[in-house]
Amino acid sequence: RDWKRTARRYIAAVAGMAVWGMVAAGPAGAQPASSEAASAADRSDPRLVVPMLDSDRGKRLFVDKGCILCHSVNGVGGLAGPALDAPEDGGYVDLMDFMARMWRGAFAMIELQGMELGYQIDFSGPELADMAAFLADKEKQERFGDEDVPDLIRDMFIRTPYELEDGLQVPSRP
């Protein structure tokens, strides 16, 4: 069990460094993700491969992967987790802080996913980057509404926040 905790910490650290590199490098230093770019990189000269960000794909992933069951954007979604609206002032999203908050909530999210979906949601690196792009895109979020969510998924929204005081407390269903 300790090796799993160590592996998870290592993965989070690597993901954090990748996001930091993405932010620090900016568009000029970012390289589009492709198998050719990755395989052409000289191992003695490591480079950060940053996927091209697609906030439209991120919006679809937010719905299709089930994040919307617990989280809301623009008032659409569940209440079990915090709303994931972009900053009101249009300011920058601190991706490192966002990842740190996800990491702190990882246990609860994994437990809730197991209870509500029967499995843990999994993202590839490019999918996670696309989700981050959507969660930082104020204009895209302002156009996000009930019509973007299939009825089946909307019916699964968790309308009551979960309590984490004495372990995970499941709210009673109406």
N, C-alpha and C. Protein backbone atom coordinates (compact mmCIF):
# COMPACT_ATOMS: atom_id res chain seq x y z
N ARG A 1 0.83 -1.19 0.00
CA ARG A 1 0.00 0.00 0.00
C ARG A 1 0.87 1.25 0.00
N ASP A 2 2.01 1.22 0.72
CA ASP A 2 2.91 2.38 0.75
C ASP A 2 3.50 2.66 -0.63
N TRP A 3 3.75 1.61 -1.41
CA TRP A 3 4.31 1.84 -2.75
C TRP A 3 3.29 2.53 -3.64
N LYS A 4 1.99 2.25 -3.42
CA LYS A 4 0.96 2.93 -4.19
C LYS A 4 0.94 4.42 -3.85
N ARG A 5 1.05 4.73 -2.55
CA ARG A 5 1.07 6.12 -2.13
C ARG A 5 2.28 6.83 -2.73
N THR A 6 3.44 6.18 -2.69
CA THR A 6 4.65 6.76 -3.28
C THR A 6 4.49 6.95 -4.77
N ALA A 7 3.91 5.97 -5.45
CA ALA A 7 3.70 6.08 -6.90
C ALA A 7 2.76 7.23 -7.21
N ARG A 8 1.70 7.36 -6.44
CA ARG A 8 0.74 8.46 -6.68
C ARG A 8 1.40 9.81 -6.47
N ARG A 9 2.24 9.92 -5.42
CA ARG A 9 2.95 11.18 -5.17
C ARG A 9 3.90 11.49 -6.32
N TYR A 10 4.59 10.47 -6.82
CA TYR A 10 5.51 10.66 -7.94
C TYR A 10 4.74 11.14 -9.17
N ILE A 11 3.62 10.50 -9.47
CA ILE A 11 2.81 10.89 -10.63
C ILE A 11 2.32 12.32 -10.48
N ALA A 12 1.87 12.68 -9.29
CA ALA A 12 1.40 14.05 -9.07
C ALA A 12 2.53 15.05 -9.25
N ALA A 13 3.71 14.70 -8.75
CA ALA A 13 4.86 15.60 -8.91
C ALA A 13 5.24 15.77 -10.37
N VAL A 14 5.24 14.68 -11.13
CA VAL A 14 5.56 14.75 -12.55
C VAL A 14 4.51 15.57 -13.28
N ALA A 15 3.23 15.34 -12.96
CA ALA A 15 2.16 16.12 -13.60
C ALA A 15 2.29 17.59 -13.25
N GLY A 16 2.61 17.88 -12.00
CA GLY A 16 2.80 19.28 -11.59
C GLY A 16 3.94 19.93 -12.33
N MET A 17 5.04 19.22 -12.49
CA MET A 17 6.17 19.78 -13.24
C MET A 17 5.78 20.02 -14.69
N ALA A 18 5.00 19.13 -15.26
CA ALA A 18 4.58 19.30 -16.65
C ALA A 18 3.72 20.55 -16.80
N VAL A 19 2.79 20.75 -15.87
CA VAL A 19 1.94 21.93 -15.95
C VAL A 19 2.77 23.18 -15.73
N TRP A 20 3.69 23.15 -14.74
CA TRP A 20 4.57 24.29 -14.51
C TRP A 20 5.36 24.59 -15.77
N GLY A 21 5.88 23.58 -16.41
CA GLY A 21 6.64 23.76 -17.65
C GLY A 21 5.78 24.36 -18.74
N MET A 22 4.53 23.94 -18.80
CA MET A 22 3.60 24.45 -19.79
C MET A 22 3.38 25.95 -19.57
N VAL A 23 3.20 26.34 -18.31
CA VAL A 23 2.97 27.73 -17.99
C VAL A 23 4.23 28.55 -18.21
N ALA A 24 5.38 28.03 -17.75
CA ALA A 24 6.63 28.77 -17.85
C ALA A 24 7.11 28.89 -19.29
N ALA A 25 6.93 27.84 -20.08
CA ALA A 25 7.42 27.86 -21.45
C ALA A 25 6.58 28.77 -22.33
N GLY A 26 5.30 28.83 -22.07
CA GLY A 26 4.42 29.65 -22.89
C GLY A 26 4.32 29.09 -24.29
N PRO A 27 3.56 29.74 -25.16
CA PRO A 27 3.34 29.22 -26.50
C PRO A 27 4.63 29.07 -27.31
N ALA A 28 5.59 29.97 -27.10
CA ALA A 28 6.81 29.91 -27.91
C ALA A 28 7.65 28.68 -27.57
N GLY A 29 7.64 28.26 -26.30
CA GLY A 29 8.47 27.13 -25.91
C GLY A 29 7.75 25.80 -25.95
N ALA A 30 6.47 25.82 -26.19
CA ALA A 30 5.69 24.59 -26.18
C ALA A 30 5.84 23.86 -27.51
N GLN A 31 5.90 22.58 -27.44
CA GLN A 31 5.97 21.75 -28.64
C GLN A 31 4.69 20.94 -28.72
N PRO A 32 4.04 20.90 -29.89
CA PRO A 32 2.83 20.10 -29.99
C PRO A 32 3.14 18.63 -29.75
N ALA A 33 2.21 17.96 -29.08
CA ALA A 33 2.38 16.55 -28.80
C ALA A 33 2.17 15.74 -30.07
N SER A 34 3.10 14.91 -30.38
CA SER A 34 2.97 13.98 -31.49
C SER A 34 3.98 12.88 -31.27
N SER A 35 3.70 11.72 -31.82
CA SER A 35 4.63 10.62 -31.64
C SER A 35 5.96 10.94 -32.30
N GLU A 36 5.94 11.68 -33.43
CA GLU A 36 7.18 12.03 -34.09
C GLU A 36 8.02 12.96 -33.22
N ALA A 37 7.36 13.97 -32.61
CA ALA A 37 8.08 14.92 -31.77
C ALA A 37 8.67 14.22 -30.55
N ALA A 38 7.88 13.33 -29.95
CA ALA A 38 8.35 12.64 -28.76
C ALA A 38 9.48 11.68 -29.08
N SER A 39 9.37 10.94 -30.19
CA SER A 39 10.41 9.97 -30.51
C SER A 39 11.66 10.64 -31.04
N ALA A 40 11.54 11.86 -31.59
CA ALA A 40 12.70 12.55 -32.13
C ALA A 40 13.52 13.24 -31.05
N ALA A 41 12.95 13.40 -29.88
CA ALA A 41 13.67 14.08 -28.80
C ALA A 41 14.89 13.28 -28.39
N ASP A 42 16.02 13.96 -28.30
CA ASP A 42 17.26 13.33 -27.86
C ASP A 42 17.20 13.17 -26.35
N ARG A 43 17.44 11.97 -25.86
CA ARG A 43 17.33 11.71 -24.42
C ARG A 43 18.34 12.53 -23.62
N SER A 44 19.44 12.95 -24.23
CA SER A 44 20.41 13.76 -23.51
C SER A 44 19.97 15.23 -23.46
N ASP A 45 18.97 15.58 -24.22
CA ASP A 45 18.43 16.94 -24.25
C ASP A 45 16.93 16.86 -24.02
N PRO A 46 16.50 16.61 -22.75
CA PRO A 46 15.07 16.41 -22.49
C PRO A 46 14.28 17.66 -22.82
N ARG A 47 13.09 17.43 -23.33
CA ARG A 47 12.19 18.51 -23.69
C ARG A 47 10.81 18.19 -23.15
N LEU A 48 10.10 19.23 -22.88
CA LEU A 48 8.74 19.07 -22.41
C LEU A 48 7.81 19.09 -23.62
N VAL A 49 7.02 18.05 -23.76
CA VAL A 49 6.04 17.99 -24.84
C VAL A 49 4.71 18.42 -24.25
N VAL A 50 4.15 19.49 -24.80
CA VAL A 50 2.90 20.04 -24.31
C VAL A 50 1.82 19.79 -25.35
N PRO A 51 0.73 19.16 -24.95
CA PRO A 51 -0.35 18.93 -25.91
C PRO A 51 -0.99 20.25 -26.31
N MET A 52 -1.50 20.29 -27.51
CA MET A 52 -2.27 21.45 -27.95
C MET A 52 -3.57 21.45 -27.14
N LEU A 53 -3.95 22.60 -26.62
CA LEU A 53 -5.12 22.69 -25.76
C LEU A 53 -6.38 22.91 -26.59
N ASP A 54 -7.44 22.20 -26.23
CA ASP A 54 -8.70 22.29 -26.95
C ASP A 54 -9.83 22.39 -25.91
N SER A 55 -10.29 23.63 -25.65
CA SER A 55 -11.31 23.81 -24.62
C SER A 55 -12.66 23.22 -25.02
N ASP A 56 -12.93 23.11 -26.33
CA ASP A 56 -14.18 22.45 -26.76
C ASP A 56 -14.15 20.98 -26.37
N ARG A 57 -13.02 20.34 -26.61
CA ARG A 57 -12.87 18.93 -26.21
C ARG A 57 -12.94 18.82 -24.68
N GLY A 58 -12.34 19.78 -23.98
CA GLY A 58 -12.39 19.78 -22.51
C GLY A 58 -13.81 19.86 -21.99
N LYS A 59 -14.64 20.67 -22.66
CA LYS A 59 -16.05 20.77 -22.27
C LYS A 59 -16.75 19.43 -22.44
N ARG A 60 -16.52 18.76 -23.56
CA ARG A 60 -17.14 17.45 -23.78
C ARG A 60 -16.65 16.43 -22.75
N LEU A 61 -15.36 16.47 -22.43
CA LEU A 61 -14.81 15.54 -21.44
C LEU A 61 -15.42 15.80 -20.06
N PHE A 62 -15.60 17.06 -19.69
CA PHE A 62 -16.19 17.42 -18.41
C PHE A 62 -17.56 16.76 -18.25
N VAL A 63 -18.31 16.71 -19.33
CA VAL A 63 -19.64 16.09 -19.31
C VAL A 63 -19.53 14.58 -19.46
N ASP A 64 -18.87 14.12 -20.51
CA ASP A 64 -18.86 12.70 -20.86
C ASP A 64 -18.13 11.82 -19.85
N LYS A 65 -17.09 12.33 -19.22
CA LYS A 65 -16.36 11.53 -18.23
C LYS A 65 -17.08 11.49 -16.89
N GLY A 66 -18.03 12.40 -16.68
CA GLY A 66 -18.83 12.38 -15.46
C GLY A 66 -18.42 13.39 -14.40
N CYS A 67 -17.48 14.28 -14.70
CA CYS A 67 -17.07 15.29 -13.72
C CYS A 67 -18.26 16.16 -13.31
N ILE A 68 -19.16 16.38 -14.27
CA ILE A 68 -20.31 17.25 -14.06
C ILE A 68 -21.30 16.67 -13.03
N LEU A 69 -21.20 15.38 -12.73
CA LEU A 69 -22.10 14.81 -11.73
C LEU A 69 -21.88 15.45 -10.37
N CYS A 70 -20.63 15.80 -10.06
CA CYS A 70 -20.29 16.36 -8.75
C CYS A 70 -19.94 17.83 -8.80
N HIS A 71 -19.46 18.32 -9.94
CA HIS A 71 -19.00 19.71 -10.07
C HIS A 71 -19.88 20.45 -11.06
N SER A 72 -20.00 21.75 -10.86
CA SER A 72 -20.77 22.57 -11.79
C SER A 72 -19.88 23.59 -12.48
N VAL A 73 -20.35 24.03 -13.63
CA VAL A 73 -19.76 25.14 -14.37
C VAL A 73 -20.94 25.99 -14.84
N ASN A 74 -20.88 27.27 -14.59
CA ASN A 74 -21.93 28.19 -15.01
C ASN A 74 -23.29 27.77 -14.43
N GLY A 75 -23.29 27.23 -13.21
CA GLY A 75 -24.53 26.83 -12.56
C GLY A 75 -25.12 25.52 -13.04
N VAL A 76 -24.42 24.81 -13.93
CA VAL A 76 -24.91 23.54 -14.46
C VAL A 76 -24.04 22.42 -13.92
N GLY A 77 -24.65 21.49 -13.18
CA GLY A 77 -23.90 20.35 -12.67
C GLY A 77 -24.25 20.04 -11.23
N GLY A 78 -23.49 19.13 -10.67
CA GLY A 78 -23.73 18.66 -9.31
C GLY A 78 -23.16 19.58 -8.25
N LEU A 79 -23.52 19.27 -7.00
CA LEU A 79 -23.12 20.09 -5.86
C LEU A 79 -22.21 19.35 -4.89
N ALA A 80 -21.84 18.10 -5.18
CA ALA A 80 -21.02 17.33 -4.25
C ALA A 80 -19.63 17.93 -4.11
N GLY A 81 -19.09 18.48 -5.18
CA GLY A 81 -17.77 19.09 -5.17
C GLY A 81 -17.88 20.58 -5.47
N PRO A 82 -16.77 21.28 -5.39
CA PRO A 82 -16.80 22.72 -5.64
C PRO A 82 -17.11 23.04 -7.10
N ALA A 83 -17.72 24.21 -7.32
CA ALA A 83 -17.93 24.70 -8.68
C ALA A 83 -16.57 24.95 -9.31
N LEU A 84 -16.47 24.73 -10.61
CA LEU A 84 -15.20 24.88 -11.32
C LEU A 84 -15.27 26.01 -12.33
N ASP A 85 -15.91 27.10 -11.94
CA ASP A 85 -16.02 28.26 -12.81
C ASP A 85 -14.69 28.97 -12.95
N ALA A 86 -14.45 29.52 -14.15
CA ALA A 86 -13.27 30.33 -14.40
C ALA A 86 -13.37 31.59 -13.55
N PRO A 87 -12.25 32.25 -13.27
CA PRO A 87 -12.30 33.46 -12.45
C PRO A 87 -13.22 34.53 -13.04
N GLU A 88 -14.01 35.16 -12.18
CA GLU A 88 -14.96 36.20 -12.60
C GLU A 88 -14.26 37.37 -13.28
N ASP A 89 -13.10 37.75 -12.76
CA ASP A 89 -12.42 38.93 -13.29
C ASP A 89 -11.65 38.64 -14.58
N GLY A 90 -11.76 37.40 -15.08
CA GLY A 90 -11.04 37.05 -16.30
C GLY A 90 -9.55 36.88 -16.07
N GLY A 91 -9.15 36.84 -14.80
CA GLY A 91 -7.73 36.70 -14.47
C GLY A 91 -7.21 35.32 -14.81
N TYR A 92 -5.97 35.15 -14.56
CA TYR A 92 -5.31 33.88 -14.85
C TYR A 92 -5.73 32.79 -13.88
N VAL A 93 -5.74 31.57 -14.36
CA VAL A 93 -5.98 30.41 -13.52
C VAL A 93 -4.62 29.86 -13.12
N ASP A 94 -4.39 29.70 -11.83
CA ASP A 94 -3.14 29.13 -11.34
C ASP A 94 -3.26 27.61 -11.44
N LEU A 95 -2.68 27.05 -12.49
CA LEU A 95 -2.82 25.61 -12.72
C LEU A 95 -2.16 24.78 -11.63
N MET A 96 -1.10 25.28 -11.05
CA MET A 96 -0.45 24.54 -9.96
C MET A 96 -1.38 24.48 -8.75
N ASP A 97 -2.04 25.59 -8.45
CA ASP A 97 -2.99 25.60 -7.34
C ASP A 97 -4.17 24.69 -7.64
N PHE A 98 -4.65 24.73 -8.88
CA PHE A 98 -5.75 23.86 -9.29
C PHE A 98 -5.37 22.39 -9.09
N MET A 99 -4.16 22.02 -9.53
CA MET A 99 -3.71 20.64 -9.36
C MET A 99 -3.55 20.28 -7.89
N ALA A 100 -3.07 21.22 -7.09
CA ALA A 100 -2.91 20.96 -5.66
C ALA A 100 -4.26 20.71 -5.01
N ARG A 101 -5.28 21.50 -5.41
CA ARG A 101 -6.62 21.28 -4.86
C ARG A 101 -7.17 19.92 -5.30
N MET A 102 -6.91 19.55 -6.55
CA MET A 102 -7.35 18.22 -7.01
C MET A 102 -6.66 17.13 -6.20
N TRP A 103 -5.38 17.30 -5.96
CA TRP A 103 -4.62 16.30 -5.21
C TRP A 103 -5.17 16.16 -3.79
N ARG A 104 -5.46 17.30 -3.15
CA ARG A 104 -6.00 17.25 -1.79
C ARG A 104 -7.36 16.57 -1.76
N GLY A 105 -8.13 16.67 -2.81
CA GLY A 105 -9.45 16.06 -2.86
C GLY A 105 -9.47 14.71 -3.54
N ALA A 106 -8.30 14.17 -3.89
CA ALA A 106 -8.24 12.94 -4.68
C ALA A 106 -8.94 11.77 -3.99
N PHE A 107 -8.70 11.59 -2.70
CA PHE A 107 -9.30 10.44 -2.01
C PHE A 107 -10.82 10.51 -2.11
N ALA A 108 -11.39 11.66 -1.79
CA ALA A 108 -12.85 11.80 -1.82
C ALA A 108 -13.37 11.61 -3.24
N MET A 109 -12.67 12.19 -4.24
CA MET A 109 -13.14 12.04 -5.62
C MET A 109 -13.12 10.58 -6.05
N ILE A 110 -12.08 9.86 -5.71
CA ILE A 110 -12.00 8.45 -6.09
C ILE A 110 -13.11 7.65 -5.42
N GLU A 111 -13.35 7.91 -4.14
CA GLU A 111 -14.42 7.22 -3.42
C GLU A 111 -15.79 7.53 -4.05
N LEU A 112 -16.05 8.80 -4.32
CA LEU A 112 -17.33 9.19 -4.90
C LEU A 112 -17.51 8.59 -6.29
N GLN A 113 -16.45 8.59 -7.08
CA GLN A 113 -16.54 8.00 -8.42
C GLN A 113 -16.89 6.52 -8.34
N GLY A 114 -16.28 5.84 -7.39
CA GLY A 114 -16.59 4.43 -7.21
C GLY A 114 -18.04 4.21 -6.80
N MET A 115 -18.54 5.05 -5.91
CA MET A 115 -19.92 4.90 -5.44
C MET A 115 -20.93 5.30 -6.51
N GLU A 116 -20.67 6.39 -7.21
CA GLU A 116 -21.65 6.92 -8.16
C GLU A 116 -21.54 6.31 -9.55
N LEU A 117 -20.31 6.01 -9.98
CA LEU A 117 -20.10 5.50 -11.34
C LEU A 117 -19.72 4.03 -11.37
N GLY A 118 -19.16 3.54 -10.27
CA GLY A 118 -18.71 2.16 -10.24
C GLY A 118 -17.29 1.99 -10.75
N TYR A 119 -16.61 3.08 -11.04
CA TYR A 119 -15.22 3.03 -11.51
C TYR A 119 -14.58 4.40 -11.25
N GLN A 120 -13.25 4.44 -11.40
CA GLN A 120 -12.52 5.70 -11.25
C GLN A 120 -12.35 6.34 -12.62
N ILE A 121 -12.65 7.62 -12.72
CA ILE A 121 -12.46 8.36 -13.97
C ILE A 121 -10.97 8.41 -14.28
N ASP A 122 -10.64 8.19 -15.54
CA ASP A 122 -9.24 8.19 -15.96
C ASP A 122 -9.07 9.19 -17.08
N PHE A 123 -8.01 9.97 -17.03
CA PHE A 123 -7.69 10.94 -18.06
C PHE A 123 -6.30 10.67 -18.61
N SER A 124 -6.13 10.87 -19.90
CA SER A 124 -4.79 10.90 -20.49
C SER A 124 -4.24 12.31 -20.25
N GLY A 125 -2.96 12.50 -20.48
CA GLY A 125 -2.37 13.83 -20.34
C GLY A 125 -3.05 14.86 -21.21
N PRO A 126 -3.22 14.59 -22.52
CA PRO A 126 -3.89 15.57 -23.38
C PRO A 126 -5.34 15.84 -22.95
N GLU A 127 -6.04 14.82 -22.45
CA GLU A 127 -7.41 15.04 -21.98
C GLU A 127 -7.42 15.97 -20.77
N LEU A 128 -6.50 15.75 -19.84
CA LEU A 128 -6.42 16.60 -18.66
C LEU A 128 -6.08 18.04 -19.05
N ALA A 129 -5.20 18.20 -20.03
CA ALA A 129 -4.86 19.54 -20.52
C ALA A 129 -6.10 20.20 -21.14
N ASP A 130 -6.88 19.45 -21.90
CA ASP A 130 -8.10 20.00 -22.50
C ASP A 130 -9.10 20.39 -21.42
N MET A 131 -9.23 19.57 -20.37
CA MET A 131 -10.13 19.92 -19.26
C MET A 131 -9.68 21.22 -18.61
N ALA A 132 -8.38 21.36 -18.38
CA ALA A 132 -7.86 22.59 -17.78
C ALA A 132 -8.16 23.78 -18.67
N ALA A 133 -8.06 23.59 -19.98
CA ALA A 133 -8.36 24.69 -20.92
C ALA A 133 -9.82 25.11 -20.79
N PHE A 134 -10.74 24.16 -20.70
CA PHE A 134 -12.15 24.50 -20.54
C PHE A 134 -12.40 25.19 -19.21
N LEU A 135 -11.79 24.68 -18.15
CA LEU A 135 -12.03 25.23 -16.81
C LEU A 135 -11.44 26.62 -16.64
N ALA A 136 -10.58 27.04 -17.56
CA ALA A 136 -10.00 28.38 -17.52
C ALA A 136 -10.63 29.31 -18.55
N ASP A 137 -11.54 28.82 -19.38
CA ASP A 137 -12.09 29.59 -20.49
C ASP A 137 -13.43 30.21 -20.10
N LYS A 138 -13.39 31.44 -19.60
CA LYS A 138 -14.59 32.13 -19.12
C LYS A 138 -15.65 32.26 -20.21
N GLU A 139 -15.24 32.63 -21.42
CA GLU A 139 -16.20 32.78 -22.51
C GLU A 139 -16.88 31.46 -22.86
N LYS A 140 -16.12 30.39 -22.92
CA LYS A 140 -16.70 29.07 -23.23
C LYS A 140 -17.65 28.66 -22.12
N GLN A 141 -17.29 28.93 -20.88
CA GLN A 141 -18.15 28.56 -19.76
C GLN A 141 -19.45 29.37 -19.75
N GLU A 142 -19.39 30.63 -20.15
CA GLU A 142 -20.59 31.44 -20.16
C GLU A 142 -21.61 30.93 -21.17
N ARG A 143 -21.15 30.23 -22.20
CA ARG A 143 -22.05 29.65 -23.20
C ARG A 143 -22.45 28.21 -22.85
N PHE A 144 -21.94 27.68 -21.74
CA PHE A 144 -22.24 26.32 -21.30
C PHE A 144 -23.57 26.32 -20.57
N GLY A 145 -24.48 25.42 -20.99
CA GLY A 145 -25.80 25.38 -20.35
C GLY A 145 -26.38 23.99 -20.33
N ASP A 146 -27.61 23.89 -19.84
CA ASP A 146 -28.30 22.60 -19.73
C ASP A 146 -28.35 21.86 -21.06
N GLU A 147 -28.45 22.59 -22.15
CA GLU A 147 -28.53 21.96 -23.47
C GLU A 147 -27.25 21.21 -23.85
N ASP A 148 -26.16 21.47 -23.14
CA ASP A 148 -24.89 20.77 -23.40
C ASP A 148 -24.80 19.43 -22.67
N VAL A 149 -25.81 19.13 -21.88
CA VAL A 149 -25.78 17.92 -21.04
C VAL A 149 -26.94 17.00 -21.42
N PRO A 150 -26.64 15.77 -21.81
CA PRO A 150 -27.73 14.82 -22.11
C PRO A 150 -28.62 14.61 -20.89
N ASP A 151 -29.90 14.36 -21.13
CA ASP A 151 -30.86 14.16 -20.04
C ASP A 151 -30.41 13.07 -19.06
N LEU A 152 -29.89 11.97 -19.59
CA LEU A 152 -29.45 10.86 -18.74
C LEU A 152 -28.40 11.32 -17.73
N ILE A 153 -27.46 12.12 -18.18
CA ILE A 153 -26.40 12.61 -17.29
C ILE A 153 -26.98 13.65 -16.33
N ARG A 154 -27.84 14.54 -16.81
CA ARG A 154 -28.45 15.56 -15.96
C ARG A 154 -29.23 14.92 -14.82
N ASP A 155 -29.89 13.80 -15.09
CA ASP A 155 -30.65 13.10 -14.05
C ASP A 155 -29.75 12.49 -12.97
N MET A 156 -28.45 12.37 -13.26
CA MET A 156 -27.51 11.77 -12.31
C MET A 156 -26.79 12.81 -11.45
N PHE A 157 -27.04 14.12 -11.67
CA PHE A 157 -26.36 15.15 -10.88
C PHE A 157 -26.56 14.88 -9.40
N ILE A 158 -25.52 15.05 -8.62
CA ILE A 158 -25.60 14.92 -7.17
C ILE A 158 -25.96 16.30 -6.64
N ARG A 159 -27.15 16.42 -6.08
CA ARG A 159 -27.69 17.73 -5.70
C ARG A 159 -27.39 18.12 -4.26
N THR A 160 -26.68 17.26 -3.52
CA THR A 160 -26.37 17.52 -2.13
C THR A 160 -24.87 17.40 -1.91
N PRO A 161 -24.27 18.37 -1.23
CA PRO A 161 -22.83 18.26 -0.96
C PRO A 161 -22.53 17.07 -0.05
N TYR A 162 -21.38 16.46 -0.25
CA TYR A 162 -20.93 15.38 0.61
C TYR A 162 -20.21 15.98 1.80
N GLU A 163 -20.26 15.29 2.94
CA GLU A 163 -19.58 15.74 4.15
C GLU A 163 -18.33 14.89 4.35
N LEU A 164 -17.24 15.52 4.76
CA LEU A 164 -15.98 14.80 4.95
C LEU A 164 -15.47 14.86 6.38
N GLU A 165 -16.30 15.22 7.36
CA GLU A 165 -15.83 15.39 8.73
C GLU A 165 -15.36 14.09 9.35
N ASP A 166 -16.20 13.10 9.47
CA ASP A 166 -15.86 11.82 10.09
C ASP A 166 -15.82 10.74 9.03
N GLY A 167 -15.04 10.94 8.01
CA GLY A 167 -15.03 10.03 6.88
C GLY A 167 -16.04 10.51 5.86
N LEU A 168 -16.20 9.80 4.80
CA LEU A 168 -17.08 10.19 3.72
C LEU A 168 -18.52 9.85 4.09
N GLN A 169 -19.35 10.87 4.23
CA GLN A 169 -20.75 10.69 4.58
C GLN A 169 -21.60 10.89 3.33
N VAL A 170 -22.33 9.87 2.95
CA VAL A 170 -23.15 9.91 1.76
C VAL A 170 -24.47 10.62 2.09
N PRO A 171 -24.85 11.61 1.28
CA PRO A 171 -26.12 12.29 1.57
C PRO A 171 -27.29 11.38 1.26
N SER A 172 -28.40 11.62 1.94
CA SER A 172 -29.60 10.84 1.64
C SER A 172 -30.18 11.32 0.33
N ARG A 173 -30.67 10.39 -0.46
CA ARG A 173 -31.26 10.72 -1.75
C ARG A 173 -32.73 11.08 -1.57
N PRO A 174 -33.22 12.10 -2.31
CA PRO A 174 -34.64 12.45 -2.19
C PRO A 174 -35.53 11.39 -2.77
